Amino acid sequence: MYELLTDPGNYPFAWLEQVISILLNPEVTPVLELSPEQLNAVEARLPEASAEIMLKLKAWMFLLLVPEQLRQIARNTEAAVADLLRRASANYSAYPPGTAIAGLGRQVIRRLEMLHRDLSERHAPYLPAAGTASPGPVAPPGRITCLLSVDQLGLILKAADDARLIRSPSLSLIFKTLVPYLSTERKEDLSWDSMRSSTYHPEHSDQEAAIAALDKLIQKIREYR
């Protein structure tokens, strides 16, 4: 069974990378065979690992004086956490419901979401100058109104990203770029971050509604001649 390194080096996300990409990845590890002790060890380490990441990044940014270097760290850390969140979500979707590994998978996702929020708040002064990592474009006077809910739209966008139908450095960038141009019948001003977060714990009814909407598109495309 794969053992986590005790000294992952200077890369702040090294331990999380090992956990998500190897130990908890069902394509690499027989995750249902992980012992309770291994799962408990990961669960106990999550808060400490997040705190260490924040402390290490704070130290790096404290020592840097060049604005471009600060912006680069902000961009890199935001992209790294977004990528980890995407892979942790992919792992979770493959876990059998109600199992211990599924419970740990949910905790990993929640911890990454908290880390992403904390990093975004801390790096806010540097992100606007990072181009694609800005909070998002100014919405046009007239948004496109969608008949789906916020959560259903989020599922479709996430599926398009996971299926590689959209190319983007991160899932967050997709939501940041597109959501300001969208509205629903019930809400005009949509939060890209809320839409993104909702995709990691989807309701079954929203999944079915999104699938039904895509079925309509398939039928319509088949009618084109």
C-alpha atoms as a PDB file:
ATOM      1  CA  MET A   1       0.000   0.000   0.000  1.00  0.00           C
ATOM      2  CA  TYR A   2       1.274   3.484  -0.850  1.00  0.00           C
ATOM      3  CA  GLU A   3       2.821   5.385   2.081  1.00  0.00           C
ATOM      4  CA  LEU A   4       2.745   9.164   2.256  1.00  0.00           C
ATOM      5  CA  LEU A   5       6.055  10.957   2.438  1.00  0.00           C
ATOM      6  CA  THR A   6       6.755  12.559   5.803  1.00  0.00           C
ATOM      7  CA  ASP A   7       8.928  15.281   4.266  1.00  0.00           C
ATOM      8  CA  PRO A   8       7.339  16.531   1.048  1.00  0.00           C
ATOM      9  CA  GLY A   9       9.880  19.309   0.552  1.00  0.00           C
ATOM     10  CA  ASN A  10       9.252  23.002  -0.058  1.00  0.00           C
ATOM     11  CA  TYR A  11       6.275  22.691  -2.395  1.00  0.00           C
ATOM     12  CA  PRO A  12       3.386  23.777  -0.123  1.00  0.00           C
ATOM     13  CA  PHE A  13       0.806  21.504  -1.753  1.00  0.00           C
ATOM     14  CA  ALA A  14       3.006  18.379  -1.873  1.00  0.00           C
ATOM     15  CA  TRP A  15       1.171  16.440   0.847  1.00  0.00           C
ATOM     16  CA  LEU A  16      -2.256  17.228  -0.604  1.00  0.00           C
ATOM     17  CA  GLU A  17      -0.975  16.253  -4.056  1.00  0.00           C
ATOM     18  CA  GLN A  18       0.066  12.840  -2.715  1.00  0.00           C
ATOM     19  CA  VAL A  19      -3.223  12.315  -0.925  1.00  0.00           C
ATOM     20  CA  ILE A  20      -5.482  13.345  -3.822  1.00  0.00           C
ATOM     21  CA  SER A  21      -3.460  12.094  -6.786  1.00  0.00           C
ATOM     22  CA  ILE A  22      -2.307   8.785  -5.317  1.00  0.00           C
ATOM     23  CA  LEU A  23      -3.656   7.616  -1.966  1.00  0.00           C
ATOM     24  CA  LEU A  24      -7.311   8.600  -2.489  1.00  0.00           C
ATOM     25  CA  ASN A  25      -7.313   8.201  -6.269  1.00  0.00           C
ATOM     26  CA  PRO A  26      -9.384   5.086  -7.102  1.00  0.00           C
ATOM     27  CA  GLU A  27      -7.585   4.767 -10.438  1.00  0.00           C
ATOM     28  CA  VAL A  28      -4.257   4.353  -8.637  1.00  0.00           C
ATOM     29  CA  THR A  29      -5.090   2.893  -5.224  1.00  0.00           C
ATOM     30  CA  PRO A  30      -7.700   0.280  -4.197  1.00  0.00           C
ATOM     31  CA  VAL A  31      -9.288   2.853  -1.912  1.00  0.00           C
ATOM     32  CA  LEU A  32     -11.841   0.467  -0.411  1.00  0.00           C
ATOM     33  CA  GLU A  33      -8.913  -1.507   1.010  1.00  0.00           C
ATOM     34  CA  LEU A  34      -7.506   1.470   2.921  1.00  0.00           C
ATOM     35  CA  SER A  35      -7.510   0.762   6.624  1.00  0.00           C
ATOM     36  CA  PRO A  36      -9.414   2.887   9.174  1.00  0.00           C
ATOM     37  CA  GLU A  37      -6.044   3.932  10.558  1.00  0.00           C
ATOM     38  CA  GLN A  38      -4.948   5.283   7.158  1.00  0.00           C
ATOM     39  CA  LEU A  39      -8.207   7.167   6.646  1.00  0.00           C
ATOM     40  CA  ASN A  40      -8.076   8.602  10.168  1.00  0.00           C
ATOM     41  CA  ALA A  41      -4.479   9.695   9.642  1.00  0.00           C
ATOM     42  CA  VAL A  42      -5.449  11.686   6.528  1.00  0.00           C
ATOM     43  CA  GLU A  43      -8.479  13.191   8.269  1.00  0.00           C
ATOM     44  CA  ALA A  44      -6.383  14.261  11.272  1.00  0.00           C
ATOM     45  CA  ARG A  45      -3.685  15.798   9.038  1.00  0.00           C
ATOM     46  CA  LEU A  46      -6.015  17.926   6.874  1.00  0.00           C
ATOM     47  CA  PRO A  47      -6.366  20.955   9.224  1.00  0.00           C
ATOM     48  CA  GLU A  48      -2.641  20.982   9.978  1.00  0.00           C
ATOM     49  CA  ALA A  49      -1.739  20.736   6.288  1.00  0.00           C
ATOM     50  CA  SER A  50      -4.005  23.689   5.432  1.00  0.00           C
ATOM     51  CA  ALA A  51      -2.489  25.792   8.210  1.00  0.00           C
ATOM     52  CA  GLU A  52       1.025  24.937   7.031  1.00  0.00           C
ATOM     53  CA  ILE A  53       0.157  25.981   3.477  1.00  0.00           C
ATOM     54  CA  MET A  54      -1.180  29.350   4.623  1.00  0.00           C
ATOM     55  CA  LEU A  55       1.864  29.922   6.856  1.00  0.00           C
ATOM     56  CA  LYS A  56       4.372  29.016   4.141  1.00  0.00           C
ATOM     57  CA  LEU A  57       2.690  31.206   1.521  1.00  0.00           C
ATOM     58  CA  LYS A  58       2.448  34.092   3.973  1.00  0.00           C
ATOM     59  CA  ALA A  59       6.189  33.802   4.640  1.00  0.00           C
ATOM     60  CA  TRP A  60       6.994  33.767   0.931  1.00  0.00           C
ATOM     61  CA  MET A  61       4.866  36.832   0.191  1.00  0.00           C
ATOM     62  CA  PHE A  62       6.287  38.674   3.182  1.00  0.00           C
ATOM     63  CA  LEU A  63       9.798  38.290   1.751  1.00  0.00           C
ATOM     64  CA  LEU A  64       8.869  39.393  -1.771  1.00  0.00           C
ATOM     65  CA  LEU A  65       8.918  43.056  -2.700  1.00  0.00           C
ATOM     66  CA  VAL A  66       8.398  42.890  -6.474  1.00  0.00           C
ATOM     67  CA  PRO A  67       4.677  43.276  -7.334  1.00  0.00           C
ATOM     68  CA  GLU A  68       4.893  40.926 -10.316  1.00  0.00           C
ATOM     69  CA  GLN A  69       6.315  38.171  -8.106  1.00  0.00           C
ATOM     70  CA  LEU A  70       3.461  38.651  -5.633  1.00  0.00           C
ATOM     71  CA  ARG A  71       0.925  38.475  -8.449  1.00  0.00           C
ATOM     72  CA  GLN A  72       2.564  35.333  -9.810  1.00  0.00           C
ATOM     73  CA  ILE A  73       2.330  33.562  -6.452  1.00  0.00           C
ATOM     74  CA  ALA A  74      -1.313  34.611  -6.167  1.00  0.00           C
ATOM     75  CA  ARG A  75      -2.078  33.209  -9.616  1.00  0.00           C
ATOM     76  CA  ASN A  76      -0.139  29.997  -9.039  1.00  0.00           C
ATOM     77  CA  THR A  77      -1.653  29.221  -5.652  1.00  0.00           C
ATOM     78  CA  GLU A  78      -5.208  29.895  -6.818  1.00  0.00           C
ATOM     79  CA  ALA A  79      -4.707  27.648  -9.858  1.00  0.00           C
ATOM     80  CA  ALA A  80      -3.109  24.904  -7.737  1.00  0.00           C
ATOM     81  CA  VAL A  81      -5.983  24.777  -5.258  1.00  0.00           C
ATOM     82  CA  ALA A  82      -8.564  24.861  -8.068  1.00  0.00           C
ATOM     83  CA  ASP A  83      -6.822  21.934  -9.741  1.00  0.00           C
ATOM     84  CA  LEU A  84      -6.676  19.941  -6.495  1.00  0.00           C
ATOM     85  CA  LEU A  85     -10.359  20.649  -5.921  1.00  0.00           C
ATOM     86  CA  ARG A  86     -11.225  19.375  -9.376  1.00  0.00           C
ATOM     87  CA  ARG A  87      -9.263  16.151  -8.881  1.00  0.00           C
ATOM     88  CA  ALA A  88     -10.646  15.584  -5.381  1.00  0.00           C
ATOM     89  CA  SER A  89     -14.146  15.978  -6.814  1.00  0.00           C
ATOM     90  CA  ALA A  90     -13.379  13.450  -9.554  1.00  0.00           C
ATOM     91  CA  ASN A  91     -12.166  10.988  -6.906  1.00  0.00           C
ATOM     92  CA  TYR A  92     -15.267  11.542  -4.806  1.00  0.00           C
ATOM     93  CA  SER A  93     -17.604  10.889  -7.711  1.00  0.00           C
ATOM     94  CA  ALA A  94     -16.106   7.393  -8.032  1.00  0.00           C
ATOM     95  CA  TYR A  95     -16.508   6.436  -4.363  1.00  0.00           C
ATOM     96  CA  PRO A  96     -19.422   4.175  -3.377  1.00  0.00           C
ATOM     97  CA  PRO A  97     -21.993   6.239  -1.429  1.00  0.00           C
ATOM     98  CA  GLY A  98     -22.122   5.739   2.306  1.00  0.00           C
ATOM     99  CA  THR A  99     -18.587   4.355   2.614  1.00  0.00           C
ATOM    100  CA  ALA A 100     -15.818   5.627   4.862  1.00  0.00           C
ATOM    101  CA  ILE A 101     -13.778   6.708   1.833  1.00  0.00           C
ATOM    102  CA  ALA A 102     -16.731   8.778   0.581  1.00  0.00           C
ATOM    103  CA  GLY A 103     -16.955  10.518   3.947  1.00  0.00           C
ATOM    104  CA  LEU A 104     -13.259  11.345   3.831  1.00  0.00           C
ATOM    105  CA  GLY A 105     -13.620  12.504   0.230  1.00  0.00           C
ATOM    106  CA  ARG A 106     -16.273  15.017   1.302  1.00  0.00           C
ATOM    107  CA  GLN A 107     -13.991  16.309   4.042  1.00  0.00           C
ATOM    108  CA  VAL A 108     -11.113  16.778   1.609  1.00  0.00           C
ATOM    109  CA  ILE A 109     -13.362  18.771  -0.731  1.00  0.00           C
ATOM    110  CA  ARG A 110     -14.662  20.963   2.103  1.00  0.00           C
ATOM    111  CA  ARG A 111     -11.134  21.636   3.323  1.00  0.00           C
ATOM    112  CA  LEU A 112     -10.004  22.605  -0.189  1.00  0.00           C
ATOM    113  CA  GLU A 113     -13.002  24.911  -0.600  1.00  0.00           C
ATOM    114  CA  MET A 114     -12.104  26.643   2.673  1.00  0.00           C
ATOM    115  CA  LEU A 115      -8.478  26.913   1.593  1.00  0.00           C
ATOM    116  CA  HIS A 116      -9.493  28.352  -1.786  1.00  0.00           C
ATOM    117  CA  ARG A 117     -11.681  30.963  -0.096  1.00  0.00           C
ATOM    118  CA  ASP A 118      -8.970  31.926   2.413  1.00  0.00           C
ATOM    119  CA  LEU A 119      -6.310  32.221  -0.269  1.00  0.00           C
ATOM    120  CA  SER A 120      -8.594  34.251  -2.556  1.00  0.00           C
ATOM    121  CA  GLU A 121      -9.351  36.686   0.254  1.00  0.00           C
ATOM    122  CA  ARG A 122      -5.700  37.021   1.229  1.00  0.00           C
ATOM    123  CA  HIS A 123      -4.516  37.452  -2.368  1.00  0.00           C
ATOM    124  CA  ALA A 124      -7.343  39.755  -3.431  1.00  0.00           C
ATOM    125  CA  PRO A 125      -5.052  42.842  -3.763  1.00  0.00           C
ATOM    126  CA  TYR A 126      -2.908  40.996  -6.304  1.00  0.00           C
ATOM    127  CA  LEU A 127      -5.437  39.031  -8.338  1.00  0.00           C
ATOM    128  CA  PRO A 128      -7.051  41.929 -10.316  1.00  0.00           C
ATOM    129  CA  ALA A 129      -3.714  42.617 -12.027  1.00  0.00           C
ATOM    130  CA  ALA A 130      -3.333  38.964 -12.987  1.00  0.00           C
ATOM    131  CA  GLY A 131      -5.509  39.205 -16.094  1.00  0.00           C
ATOM    132  CA  THR A 132      -7.424  35.938 -16.248  1.00  0.00           C
ATOM    133  CA  ALA A 133      -7.405  35.608 -12.477  1.00  0.00           C
ATOM    134  CA  SER A 134      -9.461  38.754 -11.999  1.00  0.00           C
ATOM    135  CA  PRO A 135     -12.795  38.603 -10.194  1.00  0.00           C
ATOM    136  CA  GLY A 136     -14.516  38.544 -13.566  1.00  0.00           C
ATOM    137  CA  PRO A 137     -15.543  40.811 -16.424  1.00  0.00           C
ATOM    138  CA  VAL A 138     -18.036  43.579 -15.956  1.00  0.00           C
ATOM    139  CA  ALA A 139     -21.433  42.231 -16.852  1.00  0.00           C
ATOM    140  CA  PRO A 140     -23.100  43.670 -19.956  1.00  0.00           C
ATOM    141  CA  PRO A 141     -26.345  45.655 -19.621  1.00  0.00           C
ATOM    142  CA  GLY A 142     -28.418  42.652 -20.756  1.00  0.00           C
ATOM    143  CA  ARG A 143     -27.571  39.223 -19.430  1.00  0.00           C
ATOM    144  CA  ILE A 144     -28.580  35.946 -21.020  1.00  0.00           C
ATOM    145  CA  THR A 145     -31.474  34.470 -19.037  1.00  0.00           C
ATOM    146  CA  CYS A 146     -31.341  30.703 -18.572  1.00  0.00           C
ATOM    147  CA  LEU A 147     -34.370  28.622 -17.624  1.00  0.00           C
ATOM    148  CA  LEU A 148     -32.235  26.313 -15.497  1.00  0.00           C
ATOM    149  CA  SER A 149     -31.379  26.964 -11.854  1.00  0.00           C
ATOM    150  CA  VAL A 150     -27.973  28.168 -10.658  1.00  0.00           C
ATOM    151  CA  ASP A 151     -27.019  24.674  -9.485  1.00  0.00           C
ATOM    152  CA  GLN A 152     -28.127  23.083 -12.763  1.00  0.00           C
ATOM    153  CA  LEU A 153     -26.128  25.566 -14.818  1.00  0.00           C
ATOM    154  CA  GLY A 154     -23.111  24.879 -12.630  1.00  0.00           C
ATOM    155  CA  LEU A 155     -23.367  21.143 -13.243  1.00  0.00           C
ATOM    156  CA  ILE A 156     -23.436  21.632 -17.013  1.00  0.00           C
ATOM    157  CA  LEU A 157     -20.413  23.936 -16.966  1.00  0.00           C
ATOM    158  CA  LYS A 158     -18.469  21.568 -14.706  1.00  0.00           C
ATOM    159  CA  ALA A 159     -19.355  18.589 -16.903  1.00  0.00           C
ATOM    160  CA  ALA A 160     -18.170  20.482 -19.992  1.00  0.00           C
ATOM    161  CA  ASP A 161     -14.870  21.160 -18.230  1.00  0.00           C
ATOM    162  CA  ASP A 162     -14.430  17.583 -16.950  1.00  0.00           C
ATOM    163  CA  ALA A 163     -15.255  16.228 -20.426  1.00  0.00           C
ATOM    164  CA  ARG A 164     -12.600  18.597 -21.836  1.00  0.00           C
ATOM    165  CA  LEU A 165     -15.128  20.327 -24.097  1.00  0.00           C
ATOM    166  CA  ILE A 166     -13.870  23.622 -22.666  1.00  0.00           C
ATOM    167  CA  ARG A 167     -10.188  24.401 -22.306  1.00  0.00           C
ATOM    168  CA  SER A 168      -9.279  26.531 -19.304  1.00  0.00           C
ATOM    169  CA  PRO A 169      -6.440  26.658 -16.760  1.00  0.00           C
ATOM    170  CA  SER A 170      -8.975  26.055 -13.988  1.00  0.00           C
ATOM    171  CA  LEU A 171     -12.647  25.391 -13.355  1.00  0.00           C
ATOM    172  CA  SER A 172     -12.827  28.620 -11.345  1.00  0.00           C
ATOM    173  CA  LEU A 173     -11.772  30.635 -14.377  1.00  0.00           C
ATOM    174  CA  ILE A 174     -14.660  29.180 -16.407  1.00  0.00           C
ATOM    175  CA  PHE A 175     -17.190  30.288 -13.812  1.00  0.00           C
ATOM    176  CA  LYS A 176     -15.533  33.684 -13.316  1.00  0.00           C
ATOM    177  CA  THR A 177     -15.624  34.362 -17.048  1.00  0.00           C
ATOM    178  CA  LEU A 178     -19.105  33.112 -17.950  1.00  0.00           C
ATOM    179  CA  VAL A 179     -21.316  33.638 -14.914  1.00  0.00           C
ATOM    180  CA  PRO A 180     -21.355  37.470 -15.014  1.00  0.00           C
ATOM    181  CA  TYR A 181     -23.115  37.173 -18.383  1.00  0.00           C
ATOM    182  CA  LEU A 182     -25.806  34.812 -17.092  1.00  0.00           C
ATOM    183  CA  SER A 183     -28.994  35.140 -15.068  1.00  0.00           C
ATOM    184  CA  THR A 184     -31.925  32.915 -14.182  1.00  0.00           C
ATOM    185  CA  GLU A 185     -35.646  33.574 -14.007  1.00  0.00           C
ATOM    186  CA  ARG A 186     -35.371  33.802 -10.231  1.00  0.00           C
ATOM    187  CA  LYS A 187     -32.070  35.633  -9.868  1.00  0.00           C
ATOM    188  CA  GLU A 188     -30.316  38.258 -11.941  1.00  0.00           C
ATOM    189  CA  ASP A 189     -26.998  38.645 -10.132  1.00  0.00           C
ATOM    190  CA  LEU A 190     -25.321  35.264  -9.862  1.00  0.00           C
ATOM    191  CA  SER A 191     -22.281  34.409  -7.747  1.00  0.00           C
ATOM    192  CA  TRP A 192     -19.696  32.471  -9.726  1.00  0.00           C
ATOM    193  CA  ASP A 193     -18.153  31.090  -6.520  1.00  0.00           C
ATOM    194  CA  SER A 194     -21.483  29.838  -5.173  1.00  0.00           C
ATOM    195  CA  MET A 195     -22.258  28.212  -8.519  1.00  0.00           C
ATOM    196  CA  ARG A 196     -18.868  26.505  -8.553  1.00  0.00           C
ATOM    197  CA  SER A 197     -19.160  25.277  -4.961  1.00  0.00           C
ATOM    198  CA  SER A 198     -22.615  23.815  -5.558  1.00  0.00           C
ATOM    199  CA  THR A 199     -21.236  21.423  -8.178  1.00  0.00           C
ATOM    200  CA  TYR A 200     -19.265  19.433  -5.619  1.00  0.00           C
ATOM    201  CA  HIS A 201     -22.369  18.310  -3.691  1.00  0.00           C
ATOM    202  CA  PRO A 202     -25.139  18.201  -6.325  1.00  0.00           C
ATOM    203  CA  GLU A 203     -28.720  17.355  -5.521  1.00  0.00           C
ATOM    204  CA  HIS A 204     -30.133  14.394  -7.432  1.00  0.00           C
ATOM    205  CA  SER A 205     -33.023  16.537  -8.684  1.00  0.00           C
ATOM    206  CA  ASP A 206     -30.570  19.071 -10.154  1.00  0.00           C
ATOM    207  CA  GLN A 207     -28.626  16.282 -11.859  1.00  0.00           C
ATOM    208  CA  GLU A 208     -31.825  14.948 -13.421  1.00  0.00           C
ATOM    209  CA  ALA A 209     -32.907  18.439 -14.549  1.00  0.00           C
ATOM    210  CA  ALA A 210     -29.488  19.084 -16.132  1.00  0.00           C
ATOM    211  CA  ILE A 211     -29.611  15.714 -17.914  1.00  0.00           C
ATOM    212  CA  ALA A 212     -33.136  16.449 -19.188  1.00  0.00           C
ATOM    213  CA  ALA A 213     -31.956  19.811 -20.525  1.00  0.00           C
ATOM    214  CA  LEU A 214     -29.066  18.169 -22.354  1.00  0.00           C
ATOM    215  CA  ASP A 215     -31.463  15.560 -23.771  1.00  0.00           C
ATOM    216  CA  LYS A 216     -33.520  18.413 -25.218  1.00  0.00           C
ATOM    217  CA  LEU A 217     -30.403  19.802 -26.866  1.00  0.00           C
ATOM    218  CA  ILE A 218     -29.579  16.396 -28.341  1.00  0.00           C
ATOM    219  CA  GLN A 219     -33.074  16.049 -29.766  1.00  0.00           C
ATOM    220  CA  LYS A 220     -32.950  19.538 -31.222  1.00  0.00           C
ATOM    221  CA  ILE A 221     -29.554  18.946 -32.844  1.00  0.00           C
ATOM    222  CA  ARG A 222     -30.854  15.748 -34.421  1.00  0.00           C
ATOM    223  CA  GLU A 223     -33.671  17.737 -36.020  1.00  0.00           C
ATOM    224  CA  TYR A 224     -31.232  20.024 -37.845  1.00  0.00           C
ATOM    225  CA  ARG A 225     -30.870  19.220 -41.507  1.00  0.00           C
END
